[in-house]
Amino acid sequence: MGDDIADGSDRSADLLEKLARLAAARGVTVGTAESLTAGAIAARLGAAPDASSWFAGAVVAYSRDVKHGLLGVPEGPVVCEDAACAMASGARDLLGADVVVAVTGAGGPGEQDGQPPGTVWLAVSDPTAVRAERRRFDGDPEAVLEQTVLRALEMLVDAL
């Protein structure tokens, strides 16, 4: 697993460099709404090149109450498309960011909201749309978290 994490770190660095270039070139700000990753995406964004010029911030909404109360997630399951989309849109409004990625899921080792471990919903909100996708990542909770962070970074790059 050590090599997988090293490969993920290399991929993460490449994505962050590209994201920083794109955000600066387009003059956009980026934010996150995180549950499953508990701020891991924001930590990487904050350490990226020139982050102070394009990284707006993050909302870490680990508890259901915060998701429902602060981000406008509808009552019900939080590991679903509706929750991811509401998180992305809610954080975009709160942060005043141009593009926000949101993640929610069942990291494991057990299921959550009837979803098996490794089930992750990601969403990106920008001025034109909110797009979501469901992924199923293999491995222990640490591996699921790393794969989620990488996919979130990819989605931000794609959005820019």
N, C-alpha and C. Protein backbone atom coordinates (compact mmCIF):
# COMPACT_ATOMS: atom_id res chain seq x y z
N MET A 1 0.81 -1.18 0.00
CA MET A 1 0.00 0.00 0.00
C MET A 1 0.86 1.25 0.00
N GLY A 2 2.07 1.21 0.51
CA GLY A 2 2.95 2.36 0.54
C GLY A 2 3.19 2.93 -0.84
N ASP A 3 3.39 2.07 -1.84
CA ASP A 3 3.60 2.56 -3.19
C ASP A 3 2.35 3.23 -3.73
N ASP A 4 1.18 2.70 -3.41
CA ASP A 4 -0.07 3.31 -3.86
C ASP A 4 -0.21 4.71 -3.30
N ILE A 5 0.14 4.89 -2.03
CA ILE A 5 0.03 6.21 -1.41
C ILE A 5 1.05 7.15 -2.04
N ALA A 6 2.27 6.68 -2.30
CA ALA A 6 3.27 7.52 -2.96
C ALA A 6 2.78 7.92 -4.35
N ASP A 7 2.22 6.98 -5.09
CA ASP A 7 1.68 7.29 -6.41
C ASP A 7 0.56 8.33 -6.30
N GLY A 8 -0.27 8.18 -5.28
CA GLY A 8 -1.35 9.14 -5.06
C GLY A 8 -0.81 10.52 -4.73
N SER A 9 0.28 10.58 -3.96
CA SER A 9 0.88 11.87 -3.61
C SER A 9 1.44 12.55 -4.85
N ASP A 10 2.08 11.78 -5.73
CA ASP A 10 2.60 12.34 -6.98
C ASP A 10 1.45 12.85 -7.84
N ARG A 11 0.40 12.08 -7.95
CA ARG A 11 -0.76 12.47 -8.75
C ARG A 11 -1.41 13.71 -8.14
N SER A 12 -1.50 13.75 -6.82
CA SER A 12 -2.08 14.89 -6.13
C SER A 12 -1.27 16.15 -6.43
N ALA A 13 0.04 16.07 -6.35
CA ALA A 13 0.89 17.23 -6.62
C ALA A 13 0.70 17.73 -8.05
N ASP A 14 0.64 16.82 -9.00
CA ASP A 14 0.41 17.20 -10.40
C ASP A 14 -0.93 17.90 -10.57
N LEU A 15 -1.97 17.34 -9.97
CA LEU A 15 -3.30 17.93 -10.07
C LEU A 15 -3.35 19.31 -9.42
N LEU A 16 -2.72 19.45 -8.27
CA LEU A 16 -2.73 20.73 -7.57
C LEU A 16 -2.00 21.80 -8.38
N GLU A 17 -0.90 21.43 -9.00
CA GLU A 17 -0.16 22.38 -9.83
C GLU A 17 -1.01 22.84 -11.01
N LYS A 18 -1.66 21.88 -11.66
CA LYS A 18 -2.52 22.20 -12.79
C LYS A 18 -3.71 23.06 -12.35
N LEU A 19 -4.32 22.70 -11.24
CA LEU A 19 -5.46 23.44 -10.71
C LEU A 19 -5.05 24.89 -10.40
N ALA A 20 -3.91 25.08 -9.78
CA ALA A 20 -3.44 26.43 -9.45
C ALA A 20 -3.24 27.26 -10.72
N ARG A 21 -2.65 26.65 -11.73
CA ARG A 21 -2.44 27.35 -13.01
C ARG A 21 -3.77 27.75 -13.64
N LEU A 22 -4.71 26.80 -13.69
CA LEU A 22 -6.01 27.06 -14.32
C LEU A 22 -6.80 28.13 -13.56
N ALA A 23 -6.83 28.02 -12.24
CA ALA A 23 -7.58 28.99 -11.44
C ALA A 23 -7.02 30.39 -11.61
N ALA A 24 -5.69 30.51 -11.60
CA ALA A 24 -5.07 31.82 -11.78
C ALA A 24 -5.34 32.36 -13.18
N ALA A 25 -5.21 31.52 -14.18
CA ALA A 25 -5.40 31.96 -15.57
C ALA A 25 -6.84 32.40 -15.82
N ARG A 26 -7.80 31.76 -15.17
CA ARG A 26 -9.20 32.08 -15.39
C ARG A 26 -9.76 33.08 -14.37
N GLY A 27 -8.96 33.37 -13.34
CA GLY A 27 -9.40 34.31 -12.32
C GLY A 27 -10.58 33.82 -11.51
N VAL A 28 -10.59 32.52 -11.20
CA VAL A 28 -11.70 31.94 -10.44
C VAL A 28 -11.24 31.53 -9.04
N THR A 29 -12.22 31.44 -8.15
CA THR A 29 -11.95 30.96 -6.81
C THR A 29 -12.55 29.57 -6.64
N VAL A 30 -11.94 28.79 -5.77
CA VAL A 30 -12.28 27.39 -5.58
C VAL A 30 -12.54 27.14 -4.10
N GLY A 31 -13.50 26.27 -3.82
CA GLY A 31 -13.78 25.89 -2.44
C GLY A 31 -14.17 24.43 -2.34
N THR A 32 -14.37 23.97 -1.11
CA THR A 32 -14.77 22.59 -0.87
C THR A 32 -15.86 22.52 0.19
N ALA A 33 -16.63 21.43 0.10
CA ALA A 33 -17.57 21.04 1.15
C ALA A 33 -17.26 19.57 1.40
N GLU A 34 -16.79 19.27 2.59
CA GLU A 34 -16.29 17.93 2.85
C GLU A 34 -16.96 17.29 4.05
N SER A 35 -17.25 16.01 3.88
CA SER A 35 -17.74 15.20 4.98
C SER A 35 -16.74 14.05 5.17
N LEU A 36 -16.83 13.08 4.31
CA LEU A 36 -15.98 11.89 4.36
C LEU A 36 -14.50 12.23 4.53
N THR A 37 -14.01 13.24 3.84
CA THR A 37 -12.58 13.58 3.83
C THR A 37 -12.18 14.51 4.96
N ALA A 38 -13.12 15.03 5.71
CA ALA A 38 -12.86 15.81 6.93
C ALA A 38 -11.82 16.91 6.77
N GLY A 39 -11.80 17.56 5.61
CA GLY A 39 -10.88 18.67 5.39
C GLY A 39 -9.61 18.32 4.65
N ALA A 40 -9.45 17.06 4.26
CA ALA A 40 -8.21 16.64 3.58
C ALA A 40 -8.03 17.33 2.22
N ILE A 41 -9.14 17.57 1.52
CA ILE A 41 -9.03 18.25 0.22
C ILE A 41 -8.61 19.70 0.46
N ALA A 42 -9.25 20.36 1.41
CA ALA A 42 -8.92 21.74 1.73
C ALA A 42 -7.46 21.88 2.15
N ALA A 43 -6.96 20.94 2.93
CA ALA A 43 -5.56 21.00 3.36
C ALA A 43 -4.62 20.96 2.16
N ARG A 44 -4.94 20.14 1.18
CA ARG A 44 -4.10 20.09 -0.02
C ARG A 44 -4.22 21.35 -0.85
N LEU A 45 -5.45 21.85 -0.99
CA LEU A 45 -5.64 23.08 -1.75
C LEU A 45 -4.90 24.24 -1.10
N GLY A 46 -4.96 24.33 0.21
CA GLY A 46 -4.30 25.41 0.94
C GLY A 46 -2.79 25.38 0.82
N ALA A 47 -2.23 24.22 0.52
CA ALA A 47 -0.77 24.09 0.37
C ALA A 47 -0.33 24.19 -1.09
N ALA A 48 -1.28 24.40 -2.00
CA ALA A 48 -0.97 24.45 -3.43
C ALA A 48 -0.34 25.81 -3.79
N PRO A 49 0.31 25.87 -4.96
CA PRO A 49 0.94 27.13 -5.39
C PRO A 49 -0.06 28.28 -5.45
N ASP A 50 0.34 29.43 -4.87
CA ASP A 50 -0.46 30.67 -4.90
C ASP A 50 -1.89 30.48 -4.42
N ALA A 51 -2.12 29.56 -3.49
CA ALA A 51 -3.47 29.26 -3.01
C ALA A 51 -4.18 30.50 -2.48
N SER A 52 -3.46 31.42 -1.91
CA SER A 52 -4.11 32.61 -1.34
C SER A 52 -4.82 33.45 -2.40
N SER A 53 -4.47 33.26 -3.66
CA SER A 53 -5.12 34.05 -4.71
C SER A 53 -6.35 33.37 -5.31
N TRP A 54 -6.55 32.08 -5.05
CA TRP A 54 -7.68 31.38 -5.68
C TRP A 54 -8.45 30.44 -4.77
N PHE A 55 -7.92 30.07 -3.62
CA PHE A 55 -8.62 29.15 -2.72
C PHE A 55 -9.47 29.95 -1.75
N ALA A 56 -10.80 29.84 -1.89
CA ALA A 56 -11.74 30.62 -1.07
C ALA A 56 -11.87 30.06 0.34
N GLY A 57 -11.85 28.73 0.47
CA GLY A 57 -12.02 28.12 1.77
C GLY A 57 -12.81 26.83 1.68
N ALA A 58 -13.24 26.36 2.86
CA ALA A 58 -13.90 25.06 2.93
C ALA A 58 -14.91 25.02 4.07
N VAL A 59 -15.88 24.15 3.88
CA VAL A 59 -16.82 23.83 4.96
C VAL A 59 -16.66 22.34 5.21
N VAL A 60 -16.25 22.00 6.43
CA VAL A 60 -16.16 20.59 6.82
C VAL A 60 -17.43 20.29 7.61
N ALA A 61 -18.29 19.54 6.97
CA ALA A 61 -19.60 19.23 7.54
C ALA A 61 -19.66 17.74 7.81
N TYR A 62 -19.01 17.31 8.86
CA TYR A 62 -18.94 15.89 9.16
C TYR A 62 -20.26 15.39 9.76
N SER A 63 -20.88 16.20 10.58
CA SER A 63 -22.13 15.76 11.23
C SER A 63 -23.33 16.01 10.32
N ARG A 64 -24.31 15.16 10.46
CA ARG A 64 -25.55 15.32 9.70
C ARG A 64 -26.20 16.67 9.98
N ASP A 65 -26.17 17.08 11.25
CA ASP A 65 -26.81 18.34 11.63
C ASP A 65 -26.18 19.51 10.88
N VAL A 66 -24.87 19.49 10.71
CA VAL A 66 -24.20 20.57 9.98
C VAL A 66 -24.56 20.51 8.50
N LYS A 67 -24.59 19.32 7.94
CA LYS A 67 -24.98 19.18 6.53
C LYS A 67 -26.39 19.73 6.31
N HIS A 68 -27.33 19.33 7.17
CA HIS A 68 -28.71 19.76 7.01
C HIS A 68 -28.88 21.24 7.35
N GLY A 69 -28.30 21.69 8.46
CA GLY A 69 -28.52 23.05 8.93
C GLY A 69 -27.73 24.11 8.19
N LEU A 70 -26.48 23.86 7.89
CA LEU A 70 -25.62 24.88 7.29
C LEU A 70 -25.61 24.83 5.77
N LEU A 71 -25.61 23.62 5.22
CA LEU A 71 -25.44 23.48 3.77
C LEU A 71 -26.74 23.20 3.02
N GLY A 72 -27.85 23.07 3.74
CA GLY A 72 -29.13 22.88 3.08
C GLY A 72 -29.35 21.49 2.51
N VAL A 73 -28.65 20.50 3.06
CA VAL A 73 -28.88 19.12 2.61
C VAL A 73 -30.27 18.70 3.08
N PRO A 74 -31.08 18.15 2.17
CA PRO A 74 -32.43 17.72 2.56
C PRO A 74 -32.37 16.63 3.63
N GLU A 75 -33.40 16.60 4.46
CA GLU A 75 -33.48 15.53 5.48
C GLU A 75 -33.47 14.19 4.77
N GLY A 76 -32.86 13.21 5.41
CA GLY A 76 -32.76 11.88 4.82
C GLY A 76 -31.30 11.46 4.74
N PRO A 77 -31.03 10.49 3.90
CA PRO A 77 -29.66 9.98 3.80
C PRO A 77 -28.69 11.06 3.34
N VAL A 78 -27.45 10.95 3.81
CA VAL A 78 -26.42 11.91 3.41
C VAL A 78 -25.41 11.30 2.45
N VAL A 79 -25.51 10.01 2.22
CA VAL A 79 -24.65 9.36 1.23
C VAL A 79 -25.50 9.14 -0.02
N CYS A 80 -25.69 10.24 -0.75
CA CYS A 80 -26.55 10.19 -1.94
C CYS A 80 -26.26 11.40 -2.82
N GLU A 81 -26.80 11.35 -4.02
CA GLU A 81 -26.59 12.43 -4.99
C GLU A 81 -27.15 13.75 -4.49
N ASP A 82 -28.36 13.74 -3.95
CA ASP A 82 -28.98 14.99 -3.49
C ASP A 82 -28.13 15.67 -2.42
N ALA A 83 -27.58 14.89 -1.52
CA ALA A 83 -26.75 15.47 -0.46
C ALA A 83 -25.48 16.09 -1.04
N ALA A 84 -24.81 15.37 -1.93
CA ALA A 84 -23.57 15.90 -2.52
C ALA A 84 -23.84 17.20 -3.28
N CYS A 85 -24.93 17.23 -4.05
CA CYS A 85 -25.27 18.43 -4.83
C CYS A 85 -25.61 19.60 -3.91
N ALA A 86 -26.39 19.33 -2.86
CA ALA A 86 -26.75 20.39 -1.92
C ALA A 86 -25.51 20.91 -1.19
N MET A 87 -24.61 20.02 -0.83
CA MET A 87 -23.37 20.44 -0.17
C MET A 87 -22.56 21.36 -1.08
N ALA A 88 -22.41 20.98 -2.34
CA ALA A 88 -21.63 21.78 -3.28
C ALA A 88 -22.27 23.16 -3.48
N SER A 89 -23.57 23.19 -3.70
CA SER A 89 -24.27 24.46 -3.92
C SER A 89 -24.28 25.32 -2.66
N GLY A 90 -24.54 24.69 -1.53
CA GLY A 90 -24.57 25.42 -0.27
C GLY A 90 -23.23 26.04 0.07
N ALA A 91 -22.16 25.29 -0.12
CA ALA A 91 -20.83 25.82 0.17
C ALA A 91 -20.44 26.90 -0.83
N ARG A 92 -20.85 26.74 -2.07
CA ARG A 92 -20.56 27.76 -3.08
C ARG A 92 -21.19 29.09 -2.67
N ASP A 93 -22.42 29.03 -2.19
CA ASP A 93 -23.09 30.24 -1.72
C ASP A 93 -22.41 30.82 -0.48
N LEU A 94 -22.12 29.98 0.49
CA LEU A 94 -21.49 30.44 1.73
C LEU A 94 -20.11 31.04 1.51
N LEU A 95 -19.32 30.40 0.65
CA LEU A 95 -17.94 30.82 0.43
C LEU A 95 -17.81 31.92 -0.62
N GLY A 96 -18.83 32.08 -1.44
CA GLY A 96 -18.73 33.02 -2.54
C GLY A 96 -17.70 32.58 -3.58
N ALA A 97 -17.50 31.27 -3.67
CA ALA A 97 -16.51 30.71 -4.60
C ALA A 97 -17.15 30.48 -5.97
N ASP A 98 -16.32 30.48 -6.99
CA ASP A 98 -16.80 30.22 -8.34
C ASP A 98 -17.07 28.74 -8.57
N VAL A 99 -16.19 27.89 -8.04
CA VAL A 99 -16.30 26.43 -8.23
C VAL A 99 -16.08 25.75 -6.89
N VAL A 100 -16.99 24.82 -6.54
CA VAL A 100 -16.86 24.07 -5.28
C VAL A 100 -17.03 22.59 -5.57
N VAL A 101 -16.17 21.78 -4.96
CA VAL A 101 -16.34 20.34 -4.99
C VAL A 101 -16.83 19.89 -3.61
N ALA A 102 -17.75 18.93 -3.61
CA ALA A 102 -18.28 18.38 -2.36
C ALA A 102 -18.13 16.86 -2.38
N VAL A 103 -17.88 16.30 -1.21
CA VAL A 103 -17.76 14.84 -1.09
C VAL A 103 -18.50 14.36 0.15
N THR A 104 -19.20 13.25 -0.03
CA THR A 104 -19.89 12.59 1.08
C THR A 104 -19.88 11.10 0.79
N GLY A 105 -19.74 10.28 1.81
CA GLY A 105 -19.69 8.86 1.52
C GLY A 105 -19.53 7.99 2.75
N ALA A 106 -19.45 6.70 2.47
CA ALA A 106 -19.23 5.68 3.49
C ALA A 106 -17.79 5.21 3.37
N GLY A 107 -16.93 5.76 4.19
CA GLY A 107 -15.51 5.43 4.12
C GLY A 107 -15.17 4.05 4.65
N GLY A 108 -15.99 3.53 5.50
CA GLY A 108 -15.75 2.21 6.07
C GLY A 108 -15.23 2.33 7.49
N PRO A 109 -15.08 1.26 8.18
CA PRO A 109 -15.19 -0.09 7.66
C PRO A 109 -16.62 -0.59 7.50
N GLY A 110 -17.60 0.09 8.09
CA GLY A 110 -18.99 -0.36 7.97
C GLY A 110 -19.75 0.46 6.95
N GLU A 111 -20.99 0.07 6.74
CA GLU A 111 -21.83 0.81 5.79
C GLU A 111 -22.41 2.05 6.45
N GLN A 112 -22.95 2.96 5.63
CA GLN A 112 -23.63 4.15 6.12
C GLN A 112 -24.82 4.41 5.21
N ASP A 113 -25.93 4.72 5.79
CA ASP A 113 -27.17 4.98 5.03
C ASP A 113 -27.48 3.83 4.06
N GLY A 114 -27.14 2.62 4.47
CA GLY A 114 -27.40 1.46 3.63
C GLY A 114 -26.43 1.30 2.46
N GLN A 115 -25.41 2.16 2.41
CA GLN A 115 -24.42 2.10 1.33
C GLN A 115 -23.18 1.35 1.82
N PRO A 116 -22.63 0.48 0.98
CA PRO A 116 -21.45 -0.28 1.39
C PRO A 116 -20.22 0.61 1.53
N PRO A 117 -19.25 0.16 2.33
CA PRO A 117 -18.01 0.93 2.47
C PRO A 117 -17.38 1.18 1.10
N GLY A 118 -16.85 2.39 0.95
CA GLY A 118 -16.22 2.76 -0.31
C GLY A 118 -17.15 3.49 -1.26
N THR A 119 -18.44 3.59 -0.90
CA THR A 119 -19.39 4.33 -1.73
C THR A 119 -19.22 5.83 -1.47
N VAL A 120 -18.97 6.57 -2.53
CA VAL A 120 -18.72 8.00 -2.40
C VAL A 120 -19.51 8.76 -3.46
N TRP A 121 -20.13 9.83 -3.04
CA TRP A 121 -20.77 10.77 -3.96
C TRP A 121 -19.95 12.04 -3.98
N LEU A 122 -19.63 12.52 -5.18
CA LEU A 122 -18.89 13.76 -5.37
C LEU A 122 -19.74 14.67 -6.25
N ALA A 123 -19.67 15.96 -6.01
CA ALA A 123 -20.40 16.92 -6.83
C ALA A 123 -19.56 18.17 -7.01
N VAL A 124 -19.71 18.79 -8.16
CA VAL A 124 -19.07 20.08 -8.44
C VAL A 124 -20.15 21.07 -8.80
N SER A 125 -20.09 22.24 -8.17
CA SER A 125 -21.01 23.33 -8.47
C SER A 125 -20.20 24.49 -9.05
N ASP A 126 -20.66 25.00 -10.20
CA ASP A 126 -20.06 26.18 -10.80
C ASP A 126 -21.20 27.11 -11.22
N PRO A 127 -20.92 28.23 -11.84
CA PRO A 127 -22.00 29.16 -12.18
C PRO A 127 -23.05 28.61 -13.14
N THR A 128 -22.73 27.55 -13.85
CA THR A 128 -23.66 27.05 -14.86
C THR A 128 -24.42 25.78 -14.45
N ALA A 129 -23.87 24.99 -13.55
CA ALA A 129 -24.50 23.69 -13.25
C ALA A 129 -23.92 23.07 -11.98
N VAL A 130 -24.61 22.02 -11.55
CA VAL A 130 -24.10 21.14 -10.49
C VAL A 130 -24.06 19.74 -11.09
N ARG A 131 -22.89 19.12 -11.05
CA ARG A 131 -22.73 17.77 -11.60
C ARG A 131 -22.28 16.84 -10.49
N ALA A 132 -22.85 15.65 -10.47
CA ALA A 132 -22.52 14.68 -9.42
C ALA A 132 -22.17 13.34 -10.04
N GLU A 133 -21.40 12.58 -9.30
CA GLU A 133 -21.09 11.21 -9.71
C GLU A 133 -20.93 10.34 -8.48
N ARG A 134 -21.24 9.07 -8.67
CA ARG A 134 -21.09 8.07 -7.61
C ARG A 134 -19.89 7.22 -7.96
N ARG A 135 -19.07 6.96 -6.97
CA ARG A 135 -17.90 6.09 -7.14
C ARG A 135 -17.92 5.03 -6.06
N ARG A 136 -17.30 3.93 -6.36
CA ARG A 136 -17.11 2.86 -5.36
C ARG A 136 -15.62 2.57 -5.33
N PHE A 137 -14.97 2.96 -4.25
CA PHE A 137 -13.53 2.79 -4.09
C PHE A 137 -13.24 1.59 -3.21
N ASP A 138 -12.21 0.85 -3.56
CA ASP A 138 -11.80 -0.33 -2.80
C ASP A 138 -10.76 0.06 -1.74
N GLY A 139 -10.65 -0.81 -0.75
CA GLY A 139 -9.60 -0.66 0.25
C GLY A 139 -10.13 -0.26 1.61
N ASP A 140 -9.18 -0.07 2.52
CA ASP A 140 -9.52 0.33 3.89
C ASP A 140 -9.91 1.81 3.88
N PRO A 141 -10.37 2.34 5.03
CA PRO A 141 -10.81 3.73 5.06
C PRO A 141 -9.75 4.73 4.57
N GLU A 142 -8.50 4.49 4.88
CA GLU A 142 -7.43 5.39 4.42
C GLU A 142 -7.33 5.39 2.89
N ALA A 143 -7.43 4.22 2.29
CA ALA A 143 -7.36 4.11 0.83
C ALA A 143 -8.57 4.77 0.18
N VAL A 144 -9.75 4.60 0.77
CA VAL A 144 -10.97 5.24 0.25
C VAL A 144 -10.81 6.76 0.31
N LEU A 145 -10.30 7.26 1.42
CA LEU A 145 -10.11 8.70 1.58
C LEU A 145 -9.15 9.23 0.51
N GLU A 146 -8.04 8.57 0.31
CA GLU A 146 -7.05 9.02 -0.68
C GLU A 146 -7.63 9.02 -2.09
N GLN A 147 -8.35 7.98 -2.44
CA GLN A 147 -8.97 7.92 -3.77
C GLN A 147 -10.03 9.00 -3.94
N THR A 148 -10.74 9.30 -2.87
CA THR A 148 -11.76 10.36 -2.90
C THR A 148 -11.11 11.72 -3.12
N VAL A 149 -10.04 11.99 -2.40
CA VAL A 149 -9.33 13.26 -2.55
C VAL A 149 -8.83 13.42 -3.99
N LEU A 150 -8.22 12.38 -4.52
CA LEU A 150 -7.71 12.46 -5.89
C LEU A 150 -8.82 12.69 -6.90
N ARG A 151 -9.95 12.00 -6.76
CA ARG A 151 -11.05 12.19 -7.70
C ARG A 151 -11.63 13.60 -7.57
N ALA A 152 -11.71 14.11 -6.36
CA ALA A 152 -12.21 15.48 -6.15
C ALA A 152 -11.31 16.49 -6.85
N LEU A 153 -10.01 16.31 -6.73
CA LEU A 153 -9.06 17.20 -7.40
C LEU A 153 -9.20 17.11 -8.92
N GLU A 154 -9.38 15.90 -9.42
CA GLU A 154 -9.59 15.72 -10.86
C GLU A 154 -10.85 16.45 -11.31
N MET A 155 -11.90 16.35 -10.52
CA MET A 155 -13.16 17.01 -10.89
C MET A 155 -13.01 18.53 -10.89
N LEU A 156 -12.24 19.07 -9.96
CA LEU A 156 -11.99 20.51 -9.96
C LEU A 156 -11.22 20.93 -11.22
N VAL A 157 -10.19 20.17 -11.55
CA VAL A 157 -9.41 20.47 -12.76
C VAL A 157 -10.32 20.41 -13.97
N ASP A 158 -11.14 19.37 -14.07
CA ASP A 158 -12.07 19.24 -15.20
C ASP A 158 -13.04 20.42 -15.27
N ALA A 159 -13.49 20.90 -14.12
CA ALA A 159 -14.44 22.01 -14.08
C ALA A 159 -13.81 23.32 -14.55
N LEU A 160 -12.50 23.42 -14.40
CA LEU A 160 -11.82 24.65 -14.83
C LEU A 160 -11.33 24.53 -16.26
